[in-house]
Amino acid sequence: MIKDKKVTAVILAAGNSVRFGQKRNKNFEKVDEEDTVLSYSLNTFDKNKYVDNIIIATKEAEMNNVKSIIKKEKPKKDTKIIFGGKERKDSVYNCIKVTDSDIVIIHDGARPAIKQEYIDKCIESMDKYKGVTMGVKSTDTIKIANDDNIVINSTKRCNTWAIQTPQCFDRKVLLKMHEKYNDDKNITDDCMLLEKENYDVKVIEGDYSNIKITTYEDLGHIKRIIKKYIKGLIKR
């Protein structure tokens, strides 16, 4: 039963934000007069009924920024900071190896509009699966091309998903996969690790408001989403 299992939320905030184009970490941008992007992600997981503790991955040089956010938000759940790695998968590994939880739920800090119902669905699905991810069905036809950009296959839109976070895993399984495929440079998300060993990874359909801030223009979009749907749900 899920209620008997310990759950750690891992929030990733150690990226370089290169495509953001502002020479600063997008997680520390203000969404409104009071709170940053990371503040919203932290508060949402702090309020989740299943999450027991939180780990935030950050760069060593930005540790004080994260400490300031934690001090301001005063999360009720134990929250620690871990230094991230060079790549996303390195940051995840650094976090999951320092917790003894049964389940880890991994989230991009730069997706501040995540809703509680989707966090719940991800964690609840762990009764049946070793890996679960949020996603939305593709609104475009996706074509597969070779190295010369020649189309070799077309996918069905109904079977094509744009993957989001959070992603939820059996911690022991994920840790084992990270250690086994540590040198694989083609891993772009944790689900791929389980796919390599033929584990079933369940996709939970979310919604298109759960965007990841990538460009500076995305910040304006997320401000509108949070003002409309999210702010009143997590503000104390």
Protein backbone atom coordinates (compact mmCIF):
# COMPACT_ATOMS: atom_id res chain seq x y z
CA MET A 1 0.00 0.00 0.00
CA ILE A 2 1.26 3.46 -0.95
CA LYS A 3 0.34 4.94 2.43
CA ASP A 4 2.84 2.58 4.05
CA LYS A 5 5.74 3.63 1.82
CA LYS A 6 8.15 6.50 2.33
CA VAL A 7 8.27 9.03 -0.51
CA THR A 8 11.05 11.51 -1.27
CA ALA A 9 10.48 14.36 -3.69
CA VAL A 10 13.54 15.36 -5.71
CA ILE A 11 13.39 18.85 -7.23
CA LEU A 12 16.00 19.55 -9.90
CA ALA A 13 17.33 23.11 -9.99
CA ALA A 14 20.97 22.64 -11.00
CA GLY A 15 20.70 23.24 -14.75
CA ASN A 16 22.57 25.86 -16.75
CA SER A 17 19.46 27.61 -18.20
CA VAL A 18 21.35 28.24 -21.45
CA ARG A 19 18.22 28.50 -23.61
CA PHE A 20 16.67 30.89 -21.11
CA GLY A 21 19.11 33.43 -22.48
CA GLN A 22 19.41 35.66 -19.41
CA LYS A 23 22.71 34.35 -17.99
CA ARG A 24 20.95 33.36 -14.77
CA ASN A 25 19.12 30.35 -13.39
CA LYS A 26 15.44 30.42 -14.37
CA ASN A 27 14.49 28.71 -11.10
CA PHE A 28 15.22 31.95 -9.25
CA GLU A 29 13.06 34.18 -11.46
CA LYS A 30 10.12 35.89 -9.76
CA VAL A 31 6.71 34.55 -10.79
CA ASP A 32 4.90 37.22 -8.81
CA GLU A 33 5.75 39.93 -6.27
CA GLU A 34 6.60 37.36 -3.60
CA ASP A 35 7.70 34.03 -5.00
CA THR A 36 10.18 32.49 -7.39
CA VAL A 37 9.74 29.63 -9.83
CA LEU A 38 11.46 27.26 -7.38
CA SER A 39 9.27 28.51 -4.51
CA TYR A 40 6.14 27.29 -6.27
CA SER A 41 7.60 23.85 -6.98
CA LEU A 42 8.84 23.53 -3.40
CA ASN A 43 5.52 24.61 -1.87
CA THR A 44 3.48 22.24 -4.01
CA PHE A 45 5.48 19.18 -2.97
CA ASP A 46 5.60 20.36 0.63
CA LYS A 47 1.80 20.30 0.69
CA ASN A 48 1.41 16.89 -0.93
CA LYS A 49 -0.18 14.25 1.29
CA TYR A 50 2.16 11.45 0.21
CA VAL A 51 5.54 13.21 0.20
CA ASP A 52 7.58 12.70 3.38
CA ASN A 53 10.69 14.75 2.63
CA ILE A 54 12.24 16.87 -0.11
CA ILE A 55 15.69 17.10 -1.70
CA ILE A 56 16.66 20.02 -3.93
CA ALA A 57 19.55 19.61 -6.36
CA THR A 58 21.46 22.82 -7.00
CA LYS A 59 24.86 24.10 -8.04
CA GLU A 60 27.34 24.76 -5.26
CA ALA A 61 27.60 28.39 -6.39
CA GLU A 62 23.83 28.81 -6.05
CA MET A 63 23.39 27.07 -2.72
CA ASN A 64 22.76 30.35 -0.88
CA ASN A 65 19.94 31.19 -3.30
CA VAL A 66 18.21 27.94 -2.45
CA LYS A 67 18.85 28.37 1.26
CA SER A 68 17.18 31.79 1.08
CA ILE A 69 14.12 30.31 -0.61
CA ILE A 70 13.84 27.54 1.97
CA LYS A 71 14.21 30.06 4.80
CA LYS A 72 11.46 32.24 3.32
CA GLU A 73 9.00 29.46 2.49
CA LYS A 74 9.52 27.49 5.73
CA PRO A 75 8.53 24.05 4.38
CA LYS A 76 6.95 21.79 6.97
CA LYS A 77 8.69 18.71 5.60
CA ASP A 78 12.38 18.00 6.02
CA THR A 79 14.14 19.69 3.11
CA LYS A 80 17.79 19.26 2.26
CA ILE A 81 20.09 20.58 -0.46
CA ILE A 82 22.35 18.32 -2.52
CA PHE A 83 24.88 19.52 -5.09
CA GLY A 84 23.90 18.53 -8.61
CA GLY A 85 26.17 17.08 -11.25
CA LYS A 86 27.30 17.98 -14.74
CA GLU A 87 24.26 16.37 -16.39
CA ARG A 88 20.67 15.93 -15.28
CA LYS A 89 21.16 12.24 -14.61
CA ASP A 90 24.14 13.02 -12.37
CA SER A 91 21.97 15.35 -10.26
CA VAL A 92 19.27 12.71 -9.93
CA TYR A 93 21.82 10.09 -8.89
CA ASN A 94 23.36 12.38 -6.28
CA CYS A 95 19.91 12.84 -4.74
CA ILE A 96 18.52 9.31 -4.80
CA LYS A 97 21.62 7.77 -3.26
CA VAL A 98 21.25 9.85 -0.08
CA THR A 99 17.70 8.81 0.75
CA ASP A 100 16.33 5.49 1.96
CA SER A 101 12.79 6.10 0.70
CA ASP A 102 10.79 3.40 -1.06
CA ILE A 103 9.67 5.82 -3.78
CA VAL A 104 11.28 8.87 -5.34
CA ILE A 105 9.27 11.42 -7.31
CA ILE A 106 11.49 13.56 -9.53
CA HIS A 107 10.43 16.97 -10.76
CA ASP A 108 11.92 19.81 -12.79
CA GLY A 109 12.03 22.87 -10.56
CA ALA A 110 11.24 24.90 -13.67
CA ARG A 111 7.75 23.34 -13.93
CA PRO A 112 6.12 25.44 -11.19
CA ALA A 113 2.53 24.89 -12.33
CA ILE A 114 2.33 21.21 -11.43
CA LYS A 115 -0.96 20.32 -9.75
CA GLN A 116 -1.50 18.12 -6.70
CA GLU A 117 -3.82 15.73 -8.53
CA TYR A 118 -1.02 14.70 -10.89
CA ILE A 119 1.50 14.21 -8.11
CA ASP A 120 -1.08 12.01 -6.38
CA LYS A 121 -1.76 9.97 -9.52
CA CYS A 122 1.94 9.36 -10.13
CA ILE A 123 2.57 8.14 -6.61
CA GLU A 124 -0.63 6.07 -6.41
CA SER A 125 0.31 4.28 -9.66
CA MET A 126 3.44 2.96 -7.98
CA ASP A 127 1.32 0.17 -6.52
CA LYS A 128 1.45 -1.45 -9.97
CA TYR A 129 4.58 -0.10 -11.70
CA LYS A 130 8.26 0.52 -11.05
CA GLY A 131 8.20 3.72 -13.10
CA VAL A 132 5.54 6.32 -13.87
CA THR A 133 5.68 9.61 -15.75
CA MET A 134 3.42 12.51 -16.56
CA GLY A 135 2.86 13.33 -20.21
CA VAL A 136 0.51 14.89 -22.73
CA LYS A 137 -0.51 13.48 -26.08
CA SER A 138 1.23 15.06 -29.03
CA THR A 139 -0.84 17.63 -30.91
CA ASP A 140 1.35 17.23 -34.00
CA THR A 141 2.25 14.31 -36.21
CA ILE A 142 5.72 13.14 -35.21
CA LYS A 143 8.02 11.74 -37.91
CA ILE A 144 11.17 9.72 -37.35
CA ALA A 145 14.10 10.69 -39.59
CA ASN A 146 17.55 9.22 -40.17
CA ASP A 147 20.86 11.07 -39.78
CA ASP A 148 20.34 12.70 -43.18
CA ASN A 149 16.94 14.06 -42.12
CA ILE A 150 15.12 11.67 -44.42
CA VAL A 151 11.78 10.48 -43.00
CA ILE A 152 11.81 6.78 -42.31
CA ASN A 153 8.60 6.45 -40.29
CA SER A 154 5.54 8.35 -39.12
CA THR A 155 3.97 7.83 -35.72
CA LYS A 156 0.34 7.84 -34.71
CA ARG A 157 -0.53 10.93 -32.72
CA CYS A 158 -2.70 8.87 -30.35
CA ASN A 159 0.39 6.85 -29.37
CA THR A 160 2.87 9.75 -29.20
CA TRP A 161 3.47 11.57 -25.94
CA ALA A 162 5.36 14.67 -24.87
CA ILE A 163 6.89 13.61 -21.58
CA GLN A 164 6.80 15.90 -18.55
CA THR A 165 7.63 15.62 -14.89
CA PRO A 166 7.03 14.52 -12.22
CA GLN A 167 8.35 11.03 -12.82
CA CYS A 168 8.02 8.46 -10.07
CA PHE A 169 10.17 5.38 -9.41
CA ASP A 170 10.92 2.53 -7.11
CA ARG A 171 14.08 4.02 -5.61
CA LYS A 172 16.07 0.79 -5.42
CA VAL A 173 15.33 -0.04 -9.06
CA LEU A 174 16.21 3.45 -10.25
CA LEU A 175 19.43 3.52 -8.22
CA LYS A 176 20.48 0.19 -9.69
CA MET A 177 19.78 1.42 -13.23
CA HIS A 178 21.76 4.63 -12.67
CA GLU A 179 24.75 2.63 -11.48
CA LYS A 180 24.50 0.13 -14.32
CA TYR A 181 24.17 2.72 -17.11
CA ASN A 182 26.26 5.48 -15.57
CA ASP A 183 28.40 5.87 -18.71
CA ASP A 184 25.52 6.03 -21.19
CA LYS A 185 25.54 9.56 -22.64
CA ASN A 186 22.20 9.13 -24.42
CA ILE A 187 20.06 9.09 -21.27
CA THR A 188 17.87 12.21 -21.22
CA ASP A 189 15.32 11.16 -18.62
CA ASP A 190 15.07 8.49 -15.95
CA CYS A 191 12.35 6.52 -17.70
CA MET A 192 14.88 5.58 -20.38
CA LEU A 193 16.89 3.71 -17.77
CA LEU A 194 13.97 1.43 -16.93
CA GLU A 195 13.12 1.01 -20.60
CA LYS A 196 16.58 -0.47 -21.14
CA GLU A 197 15.67 -3.33 -18.80
CA ASN A 198 12.14 -3.73 -20.26
CA TYR A 199 10.32 -2.44 -17.20
CA ASP A 200 6.82 -1.18 -17.96
CA VAL A 201 6.72 2.61 -17.56
CA LYS A 202 3.21 3.99 -17.13
CA VAL A 203 2.29 7.36 -18.69
CA ILE A 204 -0.26 9.40 -16.73
CA GLU A 205 -2.04 11.94 -18.91
CA GLY A 206 -1.66 15.44 -17.54
CA ASP A 207 -2.40 18.78 -19.11
CA TYR A 208 -0.66 21.40 -21.21
CA SER A 209 -0.38 23.92 -18.37
CA ASN A 210 2.45 21.89 -16.82
CA ILE A 211 5.04 23.52 -19.04
CA LYS A 212 8.75 23.69 -18.36
CA ILE A 213 10.25 27.15 -18.51
CA THR A 214 12.88 26.92 -21.23
CA THR A 215 12.97 30.33 -22.92
CA TYR A 216 12.43 33.76 -21.41
CA GLU A 217 9.09 33.96 -23.24
CA ASP A 218 7.92 30.88 -21.32
CA LEU A 219 8.21 32.86 -18.08
CA GLY A 220 5.40 35.21 -19.12
CA HIS A 221 3.23 32.25 -20.07
CA ILE A 222 3.81 30.53 -16.75
CA LYS A 223 2.99 33.70 -14.84
CA ARG A 224 -0.43 33.76 -16.48
CA ILE A 225 -1.02 30.05 -15.77
CA ILE A 226 -0.08 30.36 -12.11
CA LYS A 227 -2.20 33.47 -11.60
CA LYS A 228 -5.21 31.70 -13.11
CA TYR A 229 -4.92 28.15 -11.79
CA ILE A 230 -2.26 27.66 -9.15
CA LYS A 231 -1.61 30.56 -6.79
CA GLY A 232 -4.69 30.17 -4.59
CA LEU A 233 -4.09 26.43 -4.21
CA ILE A 234 -0.69 26.63 -2.52
CA LYS A 235 -0.50 30.01 -0.86
CA ARG A 236 -0.81 29.71 2.89
